[in-house]
C-alpha cells in the first residue's frame, strides 16, 4: 500500500487546503466586484493555475479600489 501515487496524493493535501482558503477569499472578492463567484472559486481551486489566478484576483482588487478612489477624487 506504500505506492508513489499515494505519497503524491498525500503531498498535495496542504496545497488543496491552502487553495480552498484562497477560493473562499476569491469568491468574496468576486461577489463584491459583481463578477462570477463560481468561476472565481473554481479557477482558484485548480492546482497550479489557482495560485496564479489568486494573484490576479489580488491585483484586480487593488486596481478596482484604486479606480474607485480616483472616481471619488474626481467628484466635486
N, C-alpha and C. Protein backbone atom coordinates (compact mmCIF):
# COMPACT_ATOMS: atom_id res chain seq x y z
N UNK A 1 0.83 -1.20 0.00
CA UNK A 1 0.00 0.00 0.00
C UNK A 1 0.86 1.25 0.00
N UNK A 2 2.17 1.08 0.06
CA UNK A 2 3.09 2.20 0.10
C UNK A 2 3.54 2.53 -1.32
N UNK A 3 2.66 3.16 -2.09
CA UNK A 3 2.94 3.42 -3.50
C UNK A 3 3.32 4.89 -3.72
N UNK A 4 4.02 5.18 -4.80
CA UNK A 4 4.37 6.58 -5.11
C UNK A 4 3.14 7.45 -5.36
N UNK A 5 2.09 6.87 -5.90
CA UNK A 5 0.87 7.64 -6.15
C UNK A 5 0.26 8.10 -4.83
N UNK A 6 0.25 7.24 -3.85
CA UNK A 6 -0.28 7.59 -2.53
C UNK A 6 0.53 8.72 -1.91
N UNK A 7 1.84 8.65 -2.02
CA UNK A 7 2.69 9.72 -1.49
C UNK A 7 2.43 11.04 -2.21
N UNK A 8 2.22 10.97 -3.51
CA UNK A 8 1.94 12.18 -4.28
C UNK A 8 0.62 12.80 -3.85
N UNK A 9 -0.40 11.97 -3.69
CA UNK A 9 -1.70 12.49 -3.27
C UNK A 9 -1.65 13.08 -1.87
N UNK A 10 -0.93 12.44 -0.99
CA UNK A 10 -0.81 12.96 0.38
C UNK A 10 -0.03 14.27 0.38
N UNK A 11 0.95 14.39 -0.47
CA UNK A 11 1.73 15.63 -0.51
C UNK A 11 0.93 16.79 -1.09
N UNK A 12 -0.15 16.52 -1.80
CA UNK A 12 -0.99 17.58 -2.35
C UNK A 12 -2.02 18.11 -1.36
N UNK A 13 -2.22 17.45 -0.24
CA UNK A 13 -3.23 17.87 0.73
C UNK A 13 -3.00 19.30 1.24
N UNK A 14 -1.79 19.69 1.63
CA UNK A 14 -1.60 21.08 2.07
C UNK A 14 -1.92 22.10 0.98
N UNK A 15 -1.54 21.79 -0.26
CA UNK A 15 -1.83 22.69 -1.37
C UNK A 15 -3.33 22.87 -1.56
N UNK A 16 -4.06 21.76 -1.51
CA UNK A 16 -5.52 21.81 -1.68
C UNK A 16 -6.16 22.60 -0.54
N UNK A 17 -5.69 22.42 0.67
CA UNK A 17 -6.25 23.17 1.81
C UNK A 17 -5.99 24.66 1.66
N UNK A 18 -4.79 25.03 1.27
CA UNK A 18 -4.46 26.45 1.09
C UNK A 18 -5.30 27.04 -0.04
N UNK A 19 -5.42 26.31 -1.14
CA UNK A 19 -6.21 26.82 -2.25
C UNK A 19 -7.69 26.89 -1.89
N UNK A 20 -8.16 26.05 -0.98
CA UNK A 20 -9.54 26.15 -0.51
C UNK A 20 -9.78 27.46 0.23
N UNK A 21 -8.82 27.85 1.05
CA UNK A 21 -8.92 29.15 1.74
C UNK A 21 -8.88 30.29 0.73
N UNK A 22 -7.98 30.19 -0.25
CA UNK A 22 -7.90 31.21 -1.30
C UNK A 22 -9.20 31.30 -2.08
N UNK A 23 -9.84 30.17 -2.32
CA UNK A 23 -11.10 30.17 -3.07
C UNK A 23 -12.19 30.90 -2.30
N UNK A 24 -12.19 30.77 -0.99
CA UNK A 24 -13.17 31.50 -0.17
C UNK A 24 -12.96 33.00 -0.31
N UNK A 25 -11.70 33.43 -0.23
CA UNK A 25 -11.41 34.86 -0.37
C UNK A 25 -11.74 35.34 -1.78
N UNK A 26 -11.40 34.55 -2.80
CA UNK A 26 -11.67 34.94 -4.18
C UNK A 26 -13.17 35.05 -4.43
N UNK A 27 -13.96 34.15 -3.84
CA UNK A 27 -15.41 34.21 -4.00
C UNK A 27 -15.99 35.47 -3.36
N UNK A 28 -15.47 35.86 -2.21
CA UNK A 28 -15.93 37.09 -1.56
C UNK A 28 -15.58 38.32 -2.40
N UNK A 29 -14.39 38.33 -2.96
CA UNK A 29 -13.99 39.44 -3.83
C UNK A 29 -14.87 39.49 -5.07
N UNK A 30 -15.14 38.35 -5.65
CA UNK A 30 -15.98 38.28 -6.85
C UNK A 30 -17.38 38.81 -6.56
N UNK A 31 -17.92 38.46 -5.40
CA UNK A 31 -19.27 38.91 -5.05
C UNK A 31 -19.31 40.43 -4.89
N UNK A 32 -18.30 41.00 -4.27
CA UNK A 32 -18.28 42.45 -4.04
C UNK A 32 -17.98 43.25 -5.30
N UNK A 33 -17.31 42.64 -6.26
CA UNK A 33 -16.98 43.34 -7.50
C UNK A 33 -17.91 42.94 -8.65
N UNK A 34 -19.02 42.29 -8.36
CA UNK A 34 -20.04 41.88 -9.32
C UNK A 34 -19.45 41.02 -10.44
N UNK A 35 -18.66 40.02 -10.08
CA UNK A 35 -18.11 39.06 -11.03
C UNK A 35 -18.65 37.69 -10.70
N UNK A 36 -18.34 36.72 -11.53
CA UNK A 36 -18.86 35.37 -11.38
C UNK A 36 -18.21 34.66 -10.19
N UNK A 37 -18.99 34.44 -9.13
CA UNK A 37 -18.48 33.80 -7.93
C UNK A 37 -18.06 32.35 -8.19
N UNK A 38 -18.89 31.54 -8.86
CA UNK A 38 -18.46 30.15 -9.10
C UNK A 38 -17.19 30.07 -9.96
N UNK A 39 -17.07 30.93 -10.96
CA UNK A 39 -15.89 30.92 -11.82
C UNK A 39 -14.64 31.25 -11.02
N UNK A 40 -14.71 32.27 -10.19
CA UNK A 40 -13.55 32.64 -9.38
C UNK A 40 -13.17 31.52 -8.42
N UNK A 41 -14.15 30.90 -7.80
CA UNK A 41 -13.87 29.82 -6.85
C UNK A 41 -13.26 28.61 -7.56
N UNK A 42 -13.82 28.22 -8.68
CA UNK A 42 -13.33 27.05 -9.40
C UNK A 42 -11.92 27.28 -9.94
N UNK A 43 -11.68 28.45 -10.53
CA UNK A 43 -10.35 28.73 -11.07
C UNK A 43 -9.29 28.79 -9.97
N UNK A 44 -9.68 29.23 -8.78
CA UNK A 44 -8.73 29.28 -7.68
C UNK A 44 -8.43 27.89 -7.14
N UNK A 45 -9.35 26.95 -7.29
CA UNK A 45 -9.15 25.60 -6.76
C UNK A 45 -8.31 24.69 -7.67
N UNK A 46 -8.10 25.08 -8.91
CA UNK A 46 -7.33 24.23 -9.83
C UNK A 46 -5.85 24.26 -9.43
N UNK A 47 -5.27 23.11 -9.11
CA UNK A 47 -3.86 23.09 -8.72
C UNK A 47 -2.96 23.63 -9.84
N UNK A 48 -2.01 24.44 -9.45
CA UNK A 48 -1.10 25.04 -10.42
C UNK A 48 -1.62 26.36 -10.95
N UNK A 49 -2.80 26.35 -11.52
CA UNK A 49 -3.40 27.56 -12.07
C UNK A 49 -3.95 28.43 -10.94
N UNK A 50 -4.44 27.81 -9.89
CA UNK A 50 -5.09 28.53 -8.81
C UNK A 50 -4.23 29.59 -8.14
N UNK A 51 -2.96 29.30 -7.93
CA UNK A 51 -2.07 30.27 -7.30
C UNK A 51 -1.90 31.51 -8.17
N UNK A 52 -1.74 31.29 -9.48
CA UNK A 52 -1.60 32.43 -10.40
C UNK A 52 -2.92 33.20 -10.51
N UNK A 53 -4.04 32.48 -10.51
CA UNK A 53 -5.33 33.16 -10.59
C UNK A 53 -5.58 33.97 -9.32
N UNK A 54 -5.17 33.45 -8.17
CA UNK A 54 -5.35 34.21 -6.94
C UNK A 54 -4.51 35.48 -6.96
N UNK A 55 -3.32 35.43 -7.55
CA UNK A 55 -2.51 36.64 -7.73
C UNK A 55 -3.25 37.64 -8.61
N UNK A 56 -3.93 37.15 -9.65
CA UNK A 56 -4.76 38.03 -10.49
C UNK A 56 -5.90 38.64 -9.68
N UNK A 57 -6.52 37.86 -8.83
CA UNK A 57 -7.62 38.36 -8.00
C UNK A 57 -7.14 39.50 -7.10
N UNK A 58 -5.98 39.31 -6.48
CA UNK A 58 -5.43 40.34 -5.62
C UNK A 58 -5.11 41.59 -6.44
N UNK A 59 -4.49 41.40 -7.60
CA UNK A 59 -4.12 42.53 -8.44
C UNK A 59 -5.37 43.27 -8.94
N UNK A 60 -6.38 42.54 -9.40
CA UNK A 60 -7.59 43.19 -9.91
C UNK A 60 -8.34 43.91 -8.79
N UNK A 61 -8.28 43.37 -7.57
CA UNK A 61 -8.91 44.04 -6.44
C UNK A 61 -8.21 45.36 -6.14
N UNK A 62 -6.90 45.35 -6.20
CA UNK A 62 -6.13 46.57 -5.98
C UNK A 62 -6.49 47.61 -7.03
N UNK A 63 -6.56 47.21 -8.28
CA UNK A 63 -6.93 48.15 -9.34
C UNK A 63 -8.35 48.66 -9.17
N UNK A 64 -9.26 47.80 -8.75
CA UNK A 64 -10.66 48.19 -8.52
C UNK A 64 -10.74 49.25 -7.43
N UNK A 65 -10.01 49.05 -6.35
CA UNK A 65 -10.01 50.00 -5.24
C UNK A 65 -9.39 51.33 -5.69
N UNK A 66 -8.29 51.26 -6.41
CA UNK A 66 -7.64 52.48 -6.87
C UNK A 66 -8.53 53.25 -7.85
N UNK A 67 -9.22 52.56 -8.74
CA UNK A 67 -10.15 53.23 -9.65
C UNK A 67 -11.30 53.88 -8.89
N UNK A 68 -11.80 53.20 -7.86
CA UNK A 68 -12.88 53.77 -7.05
C UNK A 68 -12.40 55.03 -6.32
N UNK A 69 -11.19 54.99 -5.80
CA UNK A 69 -10.64 56.18 -5.13
C UNK A 69 -10.45 57.32 -6.11
N UNK A 70 -9.99 57.04 -7.31
CA UNK A 70 -9.83 58.09 -8.31
C UNK A 70 -11.17 58.70 -8.70
N UNK A 71 -12.22 57.89 -8.78
CA UNK A 71 -13.57 58.40 -9.06
C UNK A 71 -14.03 59.33 -7.94
N UNK A 72 -13.75 58.98 -6.70
CA UNK A 72 -14.14 59.82 -5.58
C UNK A 72 -13.37 61.14 -5.58
N UNK A 73 -12.12 61.09 -5.95
CA UNK A 73 -11.31 62.31 -6.02
C UNK A 73 -11.81 63.24 -7.13
N UNK A 74 -12.32 62.67 -8.24
CA UNK A 74 -12.75 63.45 -9.37
C UNK A 74 -14.08 64.15 -9.11
N UNK A 75 -14.86 63.65 -8.17
CA UNK A 75 -16.15 64.28 -7.89
C UNK A 75 -15.94 65.61 -7.17
N UNK A 76 -16.70 66.64 -7.58
CA UNK A 76 -16.54 67.95 -6.91
C UNK A 76 -17.16 68.01 -5.54
